[in-house]
Amino acid sequence: MSEQDFRTNRALLPAQIRAGRGLLDWSRTRLAKESGVSLRALVELESGQTARPQSRTLMALTDALTAAGVEFIPANGGGPGVRLTREAALREAMAIIKRD
């Protein structure tokens, strides 16, 4: 996500970050490592303790989740959300098939 895109759509909710992690089955530690954001900052952001997170922190988290296959969905009649990209969903399905 570019900085301009991010400035236009600042509504990254803590629930979207948690949901994105959940879709990827990532721990907070993994997301912190992948994004370069401190674990403490991530915990505070996800729990709503940070009233005004820095744009670069939100961009780093968004970029890490997006690179791993999470797509952020804007509030277009419903609430904002997340989903896996088609490619990420196919990778997940193939991994499940290989386990069985």
N, C-alpha and C. Protein backbone atom coordinates (compact mmCIF):
# COMPACT_ATOMS: atom_id res chain seq x y z
N MET A 1 0.86 -1.17 0.00
CA MET A 1 0.00 0.00 0.00
C MET A 1 0.90 1.22 0.00
N SER A 2 0.63 2.15 -0.91
CA SER A 2 1.44 3.36 -0.95
C SER A 2 1.02 4.32 0.16
N GLU A 3 1.91 5.25 0.47
CA GLU A 3 1.59 6.22 1.52
C GLU A 3 0.37 7.04 1.13
N GLN A 4 0.25 7.39 -0.14
CA GLN A 4 -0.92 8.17 -0.60
C GLN A 4 -2.20 7.37 -0.41
N ASP A 5 -2.18 6.08 -0.80
CA ASP A 5 -3.35 5.23 -0.59
C ASP A 5 -3.71 5.15 0.88
N PHE A 6 -2.67 5.05 1.71
CA PHE A 6 -2.91 4.94 3.15
C PHE A 6 -3.53 6.21 3.70
N ARG A 7 -3.04 7.36 3.27
CA ARG A 7 -3.59 8.63 3.75
C ARG A 7 -5.06 8.77 3.37
N THR A 8 -5.42 8.22 2.21
CA THR A 8 -6.80 8.31 1.77
C THR A 8 -7.71 7.39 2.58
N ASN A 9 -7.17 6.27 3.03
CA ASN A 9 -7.96 5.28 3.76
C ASN A 9 -7.28 4.96 5.08
N ARG A 10 -7.40 5.84 6.07
CA ARG A 10 -6.74 5.68 7.35
C ARG A 10 -7.46 4.73 8.30
N ALA A 11 -8.60 4.23 7.92
CA ALA A 11 -9.41 3.44 8.84
C ALA A 11 -8.92 2.00 8.96
N LEU A 12 -7.70 1.82 9.42
CA LEU A 12 -7.21 0.48 9.72
C LEU A 12 -7.55 0.21 11.18
N LEU A 13 -8.44 -0.72 11.39
CA LEU A 13 -8.93 -0.99 12.73
C LEU A 13 -8.10 -2.08 13.41
N PRO A 14 -7.98 -2.01 14.73
CA PRO A 14 -7.30 -3.10 15.45
C PRO A 14 -7.88 -4.47 15.11
N ALA A 15 -9.19 -4.54 14.94
CA ALA A 15 -9.83 -5.82 14.60
C ALA A 15 -9.36 -6.33 13.24
N GLN A 16 -9.08 -5.44 12.30
CA GLN A 16 -8.58 -5.88 10.99
C GLN A 16 -7.18 -6.47 11.12
N ILE A 17 -6.37 -5.90 11.97
CA ILE A 17 -5.02 -6.42 12.17
C ILE A 17 -5.11 -7.82 12.80
N ARG A 18 -5.93 -7.95 13.84
CA ARG A 18 -6.10 -9.25 14.49
C ARG A 18 -6.67 -10.28 13.51
N ALA A 19 -7.65 -9.87 12.71
CA ALA A 19 -8.26 -10.79 11.75
C ALA A 19 -7.27 -11.20 10.67
N GLY A 20 -6.47 -10.25 10.21
CA GLY A 20 -5.44 -10.57 9.22
C GLY A 20 -4.45 -11.59 9.75
N ARG A 21 -4.03 -11.38 10.99
CA ARG A 21 -3.13 -12.35 11.62
C ARG A 21 -3.79 -13.72 11.71
N GLY A 22 -5.07 -13.71 12.06
CA GLY A 22 -5.81 -14.96 12.20
C GLY A 22 -5.91 -15.72 10.88
N LEU A 23 -6.17 -15.01 9.80
CA LEU A 23 -6.25 -15.65 8.49
C LEU A 23 -4.94 -16.32 8.12
N LEU A 24 -3.85 -15.71 8.52
CA LEU A 24 -2.52 -16.24 8.19
C LEU A 24 -2.00 -17.22 9.24
N ASP A 25 -2.72 -17.32 10.36
CA ASP A 25 -2.29 -18.11 11.51
C ASP A 25 -0.92 -17.62 12.02
N TRP A 26 -0.79 -16.29 12.08
CA TRP A 26 0.43 -15.65 12.56
C TRP A 26 0.26 -15.22 14.01
N SER A 27 1.30 -15.36 14.78
CA SER A 27 1.33 -14.83 16.14
C SER A 27 1.64 -13.33 16.07
N ARG A 28 1.46 -12.67 17.19
CA ARG A 28 1.87 -11.26 17.25
C ARG A 28 3.37 -11.13 17.01
N THR A 29 4.12 -12.06 17.54
CA THR A 29 5.58 -12.04 17.37
C THR A 29 5.94 -12.14 15.90
N ARG A 30 5.28 -13.00 15.17
CA ARG A 30 5.57 -13.14 13.73
C ARG A 30 5.24 -11.87 12.98
N LEU A 31 4.08 -11.27 13.25
CA LEU A 31 3.72 -10.03 12.56
C LEU A 31 4.70 -8.91 12.91
N ALA A 32 5.09 -8.84 14.16
CA ALA A 32 6.07 -7.82 14.56
C ALA A 32 7.37 -8.00 13.78
N LYS A 33 7.82 -9.24 13.67
CA LYS A 33 9.05 -9.52 12.94
C LYS A 33 8.90 -9.19 11.45
N GLU A 34 7.82 -9.63 10.84
CA GLU A 34 7.61 -9.42 9.41
C GLU A 34 7.45 -7.94 9.06
N SER A 35 6.88 -7.16 9.98
CA SER A 35 6.60 -5.75 9.69
C SER A 35 7.69 -4.80 10.17
N GLY A 36 8.52 -5.27 11.10
CA GLY A 36 9.53 -4.38 11.68
C GLY A 36 8.97 -3.48 12.76
N VAL A 37 7.74 -3.74 13.19
CA VAL A 37 7.10 -2.98 14.26
C VAL A 37 7.39 -3.70 15.58
N SER A 38 7.64 -2.95 16.63
CA SER A 38 7.94 -3.59 17.91
C SER A 38 6.72 -4.36 18.41
N LEU A 39 7.00 -5.43 19.12
CA LEU A 39 5.92 -6.24 19.68
C LEU A 39 5.06 -5.41 20.61
N ARG A 40 5.67 -4.57 21.41
CA ARG A 40 4.92 -3.72 22.33
C ARG A 40 3.96 -2.80 21.58
N ALA A 41 4.44 -2.17 20.50
CA ALA A 41 3.59 -1.28 19.71
C ALA A 41 2.42 -2.05 19.10
N LEU A 42 2.68 -3.26 18.63
CA LEU A 42 1.62 -4.08 18.04
C LEU A 42 0.58 -4.46 19.08
N VAL A 43 1.02 -4.89 20.24
CA VAL A 43 0.09 -5.27 21.32
C VAL A 43 -0.78 -4.07 21.70
N GLU A 44 -0.16 -2.92 21.87
CA GLU A 44 -0.92 -1.72 22.24
C GLU A 44 -1.90 -1.32 21.15
N LEU A 45 -1.50 -1.44 19.90
CA LEU A 45 -2.38 -1.08 18.79
C LEU A 45 -3.56 -2.04 18.69
N GLU A 46 -3.28 -3.35 18.75
CA GLU A 46 -4.35 -4.33 18.65
C GLU A 46 -5.35 -4.25 19.80
N SER A 47 -4.88 -3.85 20.96
CA SER A 47 -5.76 -3.79 22.12
C SER A 47 -6.47 -2.44 22.24
N GLY A 48 -6.18 -1.52 21.32
CA GLY A 48 -6.83 -0.21 21.34
C GLY A 48 -6.23 0.76 22.33
N GLN A 49 -5.06 0.45 22.87
CA GLN A 49 -4.42 1.33 23.84
C GLN A 49 -3.75 2.54 23.19
N THR A 50 -3.53 2.47 21.88
CA THR A 50 -2.90 3.56 21.15
C THR A 50 -3.98 4.36 20.45
N ALA A 51 -4.19 5.59 20.92
CA ALA A 51 -5.26 6.42 20.36
C ALA A 51 -4.93 6.90 18.95
N ARG A 52 -3.70 7.31 18.72
CA ARG A 52 -3.30 7.84 17.41
C ARG A 52 -1.99 7.19 16.97
N PRO A 53 -2.08 5.98 16.41
CA PRO A 53 -0.85 5.31 15.97
C PRO A 53 -0.18 6.07 14.83
N GLN A 54 1.12 5.94 14.74
CA GLN A 54 1.85 6.61 13.68
C GLN A 54 1.53 5.97 12.33
N SER A 55 1.46 6.81 11.31
CA SER A 55 1.16 6.32 9.96
C SER A 55 2.16 5.28 9.51
N ARG A 56 3.44 5.48 9.81
CA ARG A 56 4.44 4.51 9.34
C ARG A 56 4.26 3.15 10.02
N THR A 57 3.77 3.14 11.26
CA THR A 57 3.49 1.87 11.93
C THR A 57 2.34 1.15 11.24
N LEU A 58 1.27 1.87 10.97
CA LEU A 58 0.12 1.26 10.30
C LEU A 58 0.49 0.80 8.89
N MET A 59 1.30 1.58 8.18
CA MET A 59 1.72 1.20 6.84
C MET A 59 2.57 -0.07 6.88
N ALA A 60 3.47 -0.16 7.86
CA ALA A 60 4.34 -1.34 7.96
C ALA A 60 3.51 -2.59 8.23
N LEU A 61 2.53 -2.49 9.12
CA LEU A 61 1.67 -3.64 9.41
C LEU A 61 0.83 -4.01 8.19
N THR A 62 0.26 -3.01 7.56
CA THR A 62 -0.55 -3.25 6.36
C THR A 62 0.28 -3.89 5.26
N ASP A 63 1.48 -3.37 5.04
CA ASP A 63 2.34 -3.91 3.99
C ASP A 63 2.72 -5.37 4.27
N ALA A 64 3.04 -5.69 5.52
CA ALA A 64 3.42 -7.07 5.87
C ALA A 64 2.25 -8.03 5.66
N LEU A 65 1.08 -7.64 6.11
CA LEU A 65 -0.09 -8.50 5.95
C LEU A 65 -0.47 -8.64 4.48
N THR A 66 -0.41 -7.55 3.73
CA THR A 66 -0.74 -7.57 2.31
C THR A 66 0.24 -8.46 1.54
N ALA A 67 1.52 -8.34 1.85
CA ALA A 67 2.53 -9.16 1.17
C ALA A 67 2.31 -10.65 1.42
N ALA A 68 1.73 -10.98 2.56
CA ALA A 68 1.47 -12.38 2.91
C ALA A 68 0.14 -12.89 2.35
N GLY A 69 -0.66 -12.00 1.74
CA GLY A 69 -1.88 -12.45 1.09
C GLY A 69 -3.17 -11.95 1.70
N VAL A 70 -3.10 -11.00 2.62
CA VAL A 70 -4.31 -10.43 3.22
C VAL A 70 -4.75 -9.23 2.39
N GLU A 71 -6.02 -9.16 2.12
CA GLU A 71 -6.59 -8.03 1.39
C GLU A 71 -7.51 -7.26 2.34
N PHE A 72 -7.32 -5.96 2.42
CA PHE A 72 -8.14 -5.12 3.28
C PHE A 72 -9.36 -4.65 2.49
N ILE A 73 -10.52 -4.81 3.10
CA ILE A 73 -11.78 -4.48 2.45
C ILE A 73 -12.32 -3.21 3.09
N PRO A 74 -12.63 -2.20 2.27
CA PRO A 74 -13.16 -0.95 2.83
C PRO A 74 -14.59 -1.12 3.33
N ALA A 75 -15.02 -0.17 4.11
CA ALA A 75 -16.41 -0.16 4.59
C ALA A 75 -17.29 0.32 3.43
N ASN A 76 -17.91 -0.60 2.74
CA ASN A 76 -18.74 -0.24 1.58
C ASN A 76 -20.16 -0.76 1.78
N GLY A 77 -20.81 -0.20 2.74
CA GLY A 77 -22.15 -0.64 3.08
C GLY A 77 -22.16 -1.50 4.34
N GLY A 78 -21.11 -2.25 4.53
CA GLY A 78 -20.91 -3.03 5.75
C GLY A 78 -19.73 -2.42 6.47
N GLY A 79 -19.17 -3.14 7.37
CA GLY A 79 -17.98 -2.65 8.05
C GLY A 79 -16.73 -3.04 7.30
N PRO A 80 -15.62 -2.38 7.59
CA PRO A 80 -14.36 -2.76 6.96
C PRO A 80 -13.95 -4.15 7.41
N GLY A 81 -13.20 -4.85 6.58
CA GLY A 81 -12.80 -6.20 6.94
C GLY A 81 -11.52 -6.62 6.25
N VAL A 82 -11.28 -7.91 6.25
CA VAL A 82 -10.11 -8.50 5.59
C VAL A 82 -10.53 -9.82 4.98
N ARG A 83 -9.77 -10.24 3.99
CA ARG A 83 -9.94 -11.56 3.39
C ARG A 83 -8.61 -11.97 2.78
N LEU A 84 -8.49 -13.24 2.47
CA LEU A 84 -7.29 -13.70 1.77
C LEU A 84 -7.45 -13.40 0.29
N THR A 85 -6.36 -13.07 -0.36
CA THR A 85 -6.40 -12.93 -1.81
C THR A 85 -6.67 -14.31 -2.40
N ARG A 86 -7.09 -14.36 -3.63
CA ARG A 86 -7.37 -15.63 -4.29
C ARG A 86 -6.13 -16.53 -4.25
N GLU A 87 -4.97 -15.96 -4.51
CA GLU A 87 -3.73 -16.74 -4.52
C GLU A 87 -3.43 -17.32 -3.14
N ALA A 88 -3.59 -16.51 -2.10
CA ALA A 88 -3.33 -16.97 -0.74
C ALA A 88 -4.33 -18.05 -0.34
N ALA A 89 -5.58 -17.90 -0.74
CA ALA A 89 -6.60 -18.90 -0.42
C ALA A 89 -6.28 -20.22 -1.11
N LEU A 90 -5.79 -20.16 -2.35
CA LEU A 90 -5.42 -21.38 -3.06
C LEU A 90 -4.21 -22.06 -2.40
N ARG A 91 -3.23 -21.26 -1.96
CA ARG A 91 -2.08 -21.83 -1.24
C ARG A 91 -2.54 -22.54 0.03
N GLU A 92 -3.47 -21.91 0.76
CA GLU A 92 -3.99 -22.50 1.99
C GLU A 92 -4.72 -23.80 1.69
N ALA A 93 -5.53 -23.82 0.64
CA ALA A 93 -6.27 -25.03 0.27
C ALA A 93 -5.31 -26.15 -0.12
N MET A 94 -4.28 -25.83 -0.87
CA MET A 94 -3.30 -26.84 -1.27
C MET A 94 -2.55 -27.39 -0.05
N ALA A 95 -2.24 -26.55 0.90
CA ALA A 95 -1.57 -27.01 2.11
C ALA A 95 -2.44 -27.97 2.90
N ILE A 96 -3.74 -27.70 2.94
CA ILE A 96 -4.67 -28.58 3.65
C ILE A 96 -4.76 -29.92 2.92
N ILE A 97 -4.84 -29.88 1.61
CA ILE A 97 -4.94 -31.11 0.82
C ILE A 97 -3.69 -31.97 1.04
N LYS A 98 -2.53 -31.33 1.06
CA LYS A 98 -1.28 -32.08 1.24
C LYS A 98 -1.18 -32.72 2.61
N ARG A 99 -1.82 -32.10 3.62
CA ARG A 99 -1.81 -32.68 4.97
C ARG A 99 -2.68 -33.92 5.06
N ASP A 100 -3.73 -33.96 4.26
CA ASP A 100 -4.68 -35.10 4.34
C ASP A 100 -4.20 -36.30 3.62
